[in-house]
PDB file of N, CA and C in Angstrom:
ATOM      1  N   UNK A   1      -9.492  15.207   6.225  1.00  0.00           N
ATOM      2  CA  UNK A   1      -9.702  15.019   4.908  1.00  0.00           C
ATOM      3  C   UNK A   1      -7.662  14.894   4.106  1.00  0.00           C
ATOM      4  N   UNK A   2      -6.826  15.190   4.980  1.00  0.00           N
ATOM      5  CA  UNK A   2      -5.143  15.394   5.159  1.00  0.00           C
ATOM      6  C   UNK A   2      -4.916  14.541   5.364  1.00  0.00           C
ATOM      7  N   UNK A   3      -5.675  13.352   6.053  1.00  0.00           N
ATOM      8  CA  UNK A   3      -5.158  12.454   5.932  1.00  0.00           C
ATOM      9  C   UNK A   3      -5.304  11.267   5.523  1.00  0.00           C
ATOM     10  N   UNK A   4      -6.023  11.552   4.485  1.00  0.00           N
ATOM     11  CA  UNK A   4      -6.941  10.626   3.209  1.00  0.00           C
ATOM     12  C   UNK A   4      -5.866  11.269   2.458  1.00  0.00           C
ATOM     13  N   UNK A   5      -5.400  12.054   2.185  1.00  0.00           N
ATOM     14  CA  UNK A   5      -4.463  13.276   1.094  1.00  0.00           C
ATOM     15  C   UNK A   5      -3.110  12.487   1.116  1.00  0.00           C
ATOM     16  N   UNK A   6      -3.010  12.518   2.029  1.00  0.00           N
ATOM     17  CA  UNK A   6      -1.697  11.151   3.196  1.00  0.00           C
ATOM     18  C   UNK A   6      -1.155   9.998   3.006  1.00  0.00           C
ATOM     19  N   UNK A   7      -2.573   9.321   3.132  1.00  0.00           N
ATOM     20  CA  UNK A   7      -2.968   7.673   2.370  1.00  0.00           C
ATOM     21  C   UNK A   7      -2.321   7.704   0.970  1.00  0.00           C
ATOM     22  N   UNK A   8      -3.341   8.602  -0.114  1.00  0.00           N
ATOM     23  CA  UNK A   8      -3.339   8.256  -1.749  1.00  0.00           C
ATOM     24  C   UNK A   8      -1.908   8.534  -1.559  1.00  0.00           C
ATOM     25  N   UNK A   9      -1.021   9.744  -0.980  1.00  0.00           N
ATOM     26  CA  UNK A   9       0.627   9.566  -1.465  1.00  0.00           C
ATOM     27  C   UNK A   9       1.191   7.974  -0.839  1.00  0.00           C
ATOM     28  N   UNK A  10       0.703   8.116  -0.345  1.00  0.00           N
ATOM     29  CA  UNK A  10       1.973   6.729   0.599  1.00  0.00           C
ATOM     30  C   UNK A  10       1.102   5.747  -0.510  1.00  0.00           C
ATOM     31  N   UNK A  11       0.089   4.915  -1.186  1.00  0.00           N
ATOM     32  CA  UNK A  11      -0.399   4.240  -1.398  1.00  0.00           C
ATOM     33  C   UNK A  11       0.150   4.084  -3.680  1.00  0.00           C
ATOM     34  N   UNK A  12       0.327   5.460  -3.511  1.00  0.00           N
ATOM     35  CA  UNK A  12       1.041   5.869  -4.788  1.00  0.00           C
ATOM     36  C   UNK A  12       2.386   5.382  -5.137  1.00  0.00           C
ATOM     37  N   UNK A  13       3.178   5.868  -3.957  1.00  0.00           N
ATOM     38  CA  UNK A  13       4.563   5.422  -3.229  1.00  0.00           C
ATOM     39  C   UNK A  13       4.373   4.271  -3.229  1.00  0.00           C
ATOM     40  N   UNK A  14       3.113   3.605  -3.100  1.00  0.00           N
ATOM     41  CA  UNK A  14       4.111   2.027  -2.572  1.00  0.00           C
ATOM     42  C   UNK A  14       3.258   1.199  -4.012  1.00  0.00           C
ATOM     43  N   UNK A  15       3.234   1.669  -4.688  1.00  0.00           N
ATOM     44  CA  UNK A  15       2.671   0.647  -6.058  1.00  0.00           C
ATOM     45  C   UNK A  15       3.779   1.256  -6.592  1.00  0.00           C
ATOM     46  N   UNK A  16       4.607   2.866  -7.083  1.00  0.00           N
ATOM     47  CA  UNK A  16       6.000   2.416  -7.836  1.00  0.00           C
ATOM     48  C   UNK A  16       7.036   2.024  -7.029  1.00  0.00           C
ATOM     49  N   UNK A  17       6.789   1.175  -5.783  1.00  0.00           N
ATOM     50  CA  UNK A  17       7.826   0.299  -5.445  1.00  0.00           C
ATOM     51  C   UNK A  17       7.983  -1.320  -5.448  1.00  0.00           C
ATOM     52  N   UNK A  18       6.394  -1.130  -5.656  1.00  0.00           N
ATOM     53  CA  UNK A  18       6.258  -2.495  -6.050  1.00  0.00           C
ATOM     54  C   UNK A  18       6.419  -3.176  -6.880  1.00  0.00           C
ATOM     55  N   UNK A  19       6.863  -4.331  -6.676  1.00  0.00           N
ATOM     56  CA  UNK A  19       7.298  -4.930  -7.729  1.00  0.00           C
ATOM     57  C   UNK A  19       6.253  -5.842  -8.263  1.00  0.00           C
ATOM     58  N   UNK A  20       5.592  -5.867  -7.896  1.00  0.00           N
ATOM     59  CA  UNK A  20       4.300  -6.912  -8.935  1.00  0.00           C
ATOM     60  C   UNK A  20       4.129  -5.993  -9.023  1.00  0.00           C
ATOM     61  N   UNK A  21       4.202  -4.405  -9.768  1.00  0.00           N
ATOM     62  CA  UNK A  21       3.556  -3.625 -10.698  1.00  0.00           C
ATOM     63  C   UNK A  21       4.582  -3.599 -11.807  1.00  0.00           C
ATOM     64  N   UNK A  22       5.496  -4.347 -11.765  1.00  0.00           N
ATOM     65  CA  UNK A  22       7.086  -4.366 -13.616  1.00  0.00           C
ATOM     66  C   UNK A  22       6.135  -5.581 -13.902  1.00  0.00           C
ATOM     67  N   UNK A  23       4.769  -6.426 -13.464  1.00  0.00           N
ATOM     68  CA  UNK A  23       4.561  -7.342 -14.335  1.00  0.00           C
ATOM     69  C   UNK A  23       2.923  -7.116 -14.645  1.00  0.00           C
ATOM     70  N   UNK A  24       2.826  -8.262 -16.250  1.00  0.00           N
ATOM     71  CA  UNK A  24       2.241  -7.274 -17.494  1.00  0.00           C
ATOM     72  C   UNK A  24       1.084  -7.251 -16.002  1.00  0.00           C
ATOM     73  N   UNK A  25       0.026  -6.189 -16.740  1.00  0.00           N
ATOM     74  CA  UNK A  25      -1.267  -6.159 -15.905  1.00  0.00           C
ATOM     75  C   UNK A  25      -2.342  -7.495 -16.372  1.00  0.00           C
ATOM     76  N   UNK A  26      -2.347  -8.160 -16.923  1.00  0.00           N
ATOM     77  CA  UNK A  26      -3.395  -9.022 -17.699  1.00  0.00           C
ATOM     78  C   UNK A  26      -3.607 -10.771 -17.258  1.00  0.00           C
ATOM     79  N   UNK A  27      -1.901 -10.768 -16.865  1.00  0.00           N
ATOM     80  CA  UNK A  27      -2.031 -11.822 -16.314  1.00  0.00           C
ATOM     81  C   UNK A  27      -1.703 -12.215 -14.586  1.00  0.00           C
ATOM     82  N   UNK A  28      -1.930 -10.966 -13.796  1.00  0.00           N
ATOM     83  CA  UNK A  28      -1.228 -10.461 -12.828  1.00  0.00           C
ATOM     84  C   UNK A  28      -3.278 -10.518 -12.308  1.00  0.00           C
ATOM     85  N   UNK A  29      -4.180  -9.623 -13.125  1.00  0.00           N
ATOM     86  CA  UNK A  29      -5.360  -9.899 -13.105  1.00  0.00           C
ATOM     87  C   UNK A  29      -5.992 -11.062 -13.038  1.00  0.00           C
ATOM     88  N   UNK A  30      -5.959 -12.061 -14.466  1.00  0.00           N
ATOM     89  CA  UNK A  30      -6.501 -13.168 -14.818  1.00  0.00           C
ATOM     90  C   UNK A  30      -6.376 -14.233 -13.926  1.00  0.00           C
ATOM     91  N   UNK A  31      -5.049 -13.995 -13.387  1.00  0.00           N
ATOM     92  CA  UNK A  31      -4.395 -15.459 -12.389  1.00  0.00           C
ATOM     93  C   UNK A  31      -4.477 -15.555 -11.003  1.00  0.00           C
ATOM     94  N   UNK A  32      -4.824 -16.577 -10.880  1.00  0.00           N
ATOM     95  CA  UNK A  32      -5.447 -16.408  -9.220  1.00  0.00           C
ATOM     96  C   UNK A  32      -4.580 -15.824  -8.507  1.00  0.00           C
ATOM     97  N   UNK A  33      -4.425 -14.805  -7.251  1.00  0.00           N
ATOM     98  CA  UNK A  33      -3.700 -14.691  -7.058  1.00  0.00           C
ATOM     99  C   UNK A  33      -2.808 -15.817  -6.140  1.00  0.00           C
ATOM    100  N   UNK A  34      -0.857 -15.309  -6.253  1.00  0.00           N
ATOM    101  CA  UNK A  34      -0.249 -16.153  -5.735  1.00  0.00           C
ATOM    102  C   UNK A  34      -0.124 -16.090  -4.200  1.00  0.00           C
ATOM    103  N   UNK A  35       0.353 -16.786  -3.171  1.00  0.00           N
ATOM    104  CA  UNK A  35       0.711 -17.100  -2.247  1.00  0.00           C
ATOM    105  C   UNK A  35       1.510 -15.834  -1.487  1.00  0.00           C
ATOM    106  N   UNK A  36       2.551 -15.442  -2.584  1.00  0.00           N
ATOM    107  CA  UNK A  36       3.685 -14.787  -2.284  1.00  0.00           C
ATOM    108  C   UNK A  36       2.733 -13.518  -2.632  1.00  0.00           C
ATOM    109  N   UNK A  37       2.116 -13.125  -3.530  1.00  0.00           N
ATOM    110  CA  UNK A  37       1.665 -11.813  -3.807  1.00  0.00           C
ATOM    111  C   UNK A  37       0.549 -11.156  -2.560  1.00  0.00           C
ATOM    112  N   UNK A  38      -0.605 -12.185  -2.179  1.00  0.00           N
ATOM    113  CA  UNK A  38      -1.371 -12.196  -1.013  1.00  0.00           C
ATOM    114  C   UNK A  38      -0.543 -11.351  -0.059  1.00  0.00           C
ATOM    115  N   UNK A  39       0.700 -12.519   0.381  1.00  0.00           N
ATOM    116  CA  UNK A  39       1.923 -11.978   1.352  1.00  0.00           C
ATOM    117  C   UNK A  39       1.804 -10.805   1.538  1.00  0.00           C
ATOM    118  N   UNK A  40       2.608 -10.228   0.028  1.00  0.00           N
ATOM    119  CA  UNK A  40       3.229  -8.508  -0.432  1.00  0.00           C
ATOM    120  C   UNK A  40       1.991  -7.785  -0.142  1.00  0.00           C
ATOM    121  N   UNK A  41       0.776  -8.018  -0.768  1.00  0.00           N
ATOM    122  CA  UNK A  41       0.039  -7.461   0.315  1.00  0.00           C
ATOM    123  C   UNK A  41      -0.442  -6.701   1.010  1.00  0.00           C
ATOM    124  N   UNK A  42      -0.362  -8.117   2.039  1.00  0.00           N
ATOM    125  CA  UNK A  42      -0.789  -7.918   2.767  1.00  0.00           C
ATOM    126  C   UNK A  42       0.543  -6.836   4.127  1.00  0.00           C
ATOM    127  N   UNK A  43       2.200  -7.178   3.375  1.00  0.00           N
ATOM    128  CA  UNK A  43       3.082  -6.464   4.187  1.00  0.00           C
ATOM    129  C   UNK A  43       2.763  -5.442   3.942  1.00  0.00           C
ATOM    130  N   UNK A  44       2.128  -4.714   2.961  1.00  0.00           N
ATOM    131  CA  UNK A  44       2.329  -3.232   2.220  1.00  0.00           C
ATOM    132  C   UNK A  44       0.604  -2.937   3.072  1.00  0.00           C
ATOM    133  N   UNK A  45      -0.321  -3.146   3.093  1.00  0.00           N
ATOM    134  CA  UNK A  45      -1.685  -2.879   4.036  1.00  0.00           C
ATOM    135  C   UNK A  45      -1.020  -2.981   5.816  1.00  0.00           C
ATOM    136  N   UNK A  46      -0.341  -4.042   5.457  1.00  0.00           N
ATOM    137  CA  UNK A  46       0.059  -3.661   7.293  1.00  0.00           C
ATOM    138  C   UNK A  46       1.604  -2.593   7.374  1.00  0.00           C
ATOM    139  N   UNK A  47       2.277  -1.550   6.069  1.00  0.00           N
ATOM    140  CA  UNK A  47       2.926  -0.735   5.456  1.00  0.00           C
ATOM    141  C   UNK A  47       1.635   0.704   6.338  1.00  0.00           C
ATOM    142  N   UNK A  48       0.106   0.228   4.628  1.00  0.00           N
ATOM    143  CA  UNK A  48       0.196   1.531   5.833  1.00  0.00           C
ATOM    144  C   UNK A  48      -0.992   1.637   6.670  1.00  0.00           C
ATOM    145  N   UNK A  49      -1.141   1.242   7.039  1.00  0.00           N
ATOM    146  CA  UNK A  49      -1.890   0.963   8.261  1.00  0.00           C
ATOM    147  C   UNK A  49      -0.956   1.067   9.398  1.00  0.00           C
ATOM    148  N   UNK A  50      -0.079   1.392   9.526  1.00  0.00           N
ATOM    149  CA  UNK A  50       0.830   1.106  10.591  1.00  0.00           C
ATOM    150  C   UNK A  50       1.766   3.376   9.732  1.00  0.00           C
ATOM    151  N   UNK A  51       1.721   3.767   9.670  1.00  0.00           N
ATOM    152  CA  UNK A  51       2.324   4.863   8.886  1.00  0.00           C
ATOM    153  C   UNK A  51       1.235   5.629   8.848  1.00  0.00           C
ATOM    154  N   UNK A  52      -0.219   5.524   8.715  1.00  0.00           N
ATOM    155  CA  UNK A  52      -1.618   6.321   9.047  1.00  0.00           C
ATOM    156  C   UNK A  52      -1.387   5.976  10.720  1.00  0.00           C
ATOM    157  N   UNK A  53      -1.150   5.479  11.235  1.00  0.00           N
ATOM    158  CA  UNK A  53      -1.375   5.580  13.107  1.00  0.00           C
ATOM    159  C   UNK A  53      -0.772   6.176  13.705  1.00  0.00           C
ATOM    160  N   UNK A  54       1.005   6.827  12.359  1.00  0.00           N
ATOM    161  CA  UNK A  54       1.587   7.036  12.918  1.00  0.00           C
ATOM    162  C   UNK A  54       1.585   8.952  13.326  1.00  0.00           C
ATOM    163  N   UNK A  55       1.235   8.700  11.119  1.00  0.00           N
ATOM    164  CA  UNK A  55       0.709  10.092  11.826  1.00  0.00           C
ATOM    165  C   UNK A  55       0.150  10.224  12.269  1.00  0.00           C
ATOM    166  N   UNK A  56      -1.055   9.864  12.316  1.00  0.00           N
ATOM    167  CA  UNK A  56      -2.244  10.473  13.716  1.00  0.00           C
ATOM    168  C   UNK A  56      -2.042  11.137  14.825  1.00  0.00           C
ATOM    169  N   UNK A  57      -0.776   9.672  15.520  1.00  0.00           N
ATOM    170  CA  UNK A  57      -0.611  10.827  16.048  1.00  0.00           C
ATOM    171  C   UNK A  57       0.050  11.397  16.398  1.00  0.00           C
ATOM    172  N   UNK A  58       0.876  11.771  15.208  1.00  0.00           N
ATOM    173  CA  UNK A  58       1.707  13.430  15.409  1.00  0.00           C
ATOM    174  C   UNK A  58       0.991  14.148  15.167  1.00  0.00           C
ATOM    175  N   UNK A  59      -0.481  14.309  14.337  1.00  0.00           N
ATOM    176  CA  UNK A  59      -1.367  15.422  14.243  1.00  0.00           C
ATOM    177  C   UNK A  59      -2.220  15.284  15.880  1.00  0.00           C
ATOM    178  N   UNK A  60      -2.316  14.035  16.575  1.00  0.00           N
ATOM    179  CA  UNK A  60      -3.720  14.445  17.478  1.00  0.00           C
ATOM    180  C   UNK A  60      -2.239  15.508  18.034  1.00  0.00           C
ATOM    181  N   UNK A  61      -1.514  14.797  18.589  1.00  0.00           N
ATOM    182  CA  UNK A  61      -0.075  16.154  19.237  1.00  0.00           C
ATOM    183  C   UNK A  61      -0.557  17.561  18.884  1.00  0.00           C
ATOM    184  N   UNK A  62      -1.488  17.943  17.795  1.00  0.00           N
ATOM    185  CA  UNK A  62      -0.983  19.609  17.561  1.00  0.00           C
ATOM    186  C   UNK A  62      -1.373  19.844  18.630  1.00  0.00           C
TER     187      UNK A  62
END
């Protein structure tokens, strides 16, 4: 569960950094996702996956 808390922290941190969050929420939810938005989300998910992977390696070595 510690890793879940860590993931939540990373997600909130990613949301703060995300330039998409500065856009109006309504337009982002009603309009279809643009190619750049999809690409950005993919990068964010890859970063989260990578951070989780590294944290798991560190955690397992204890």
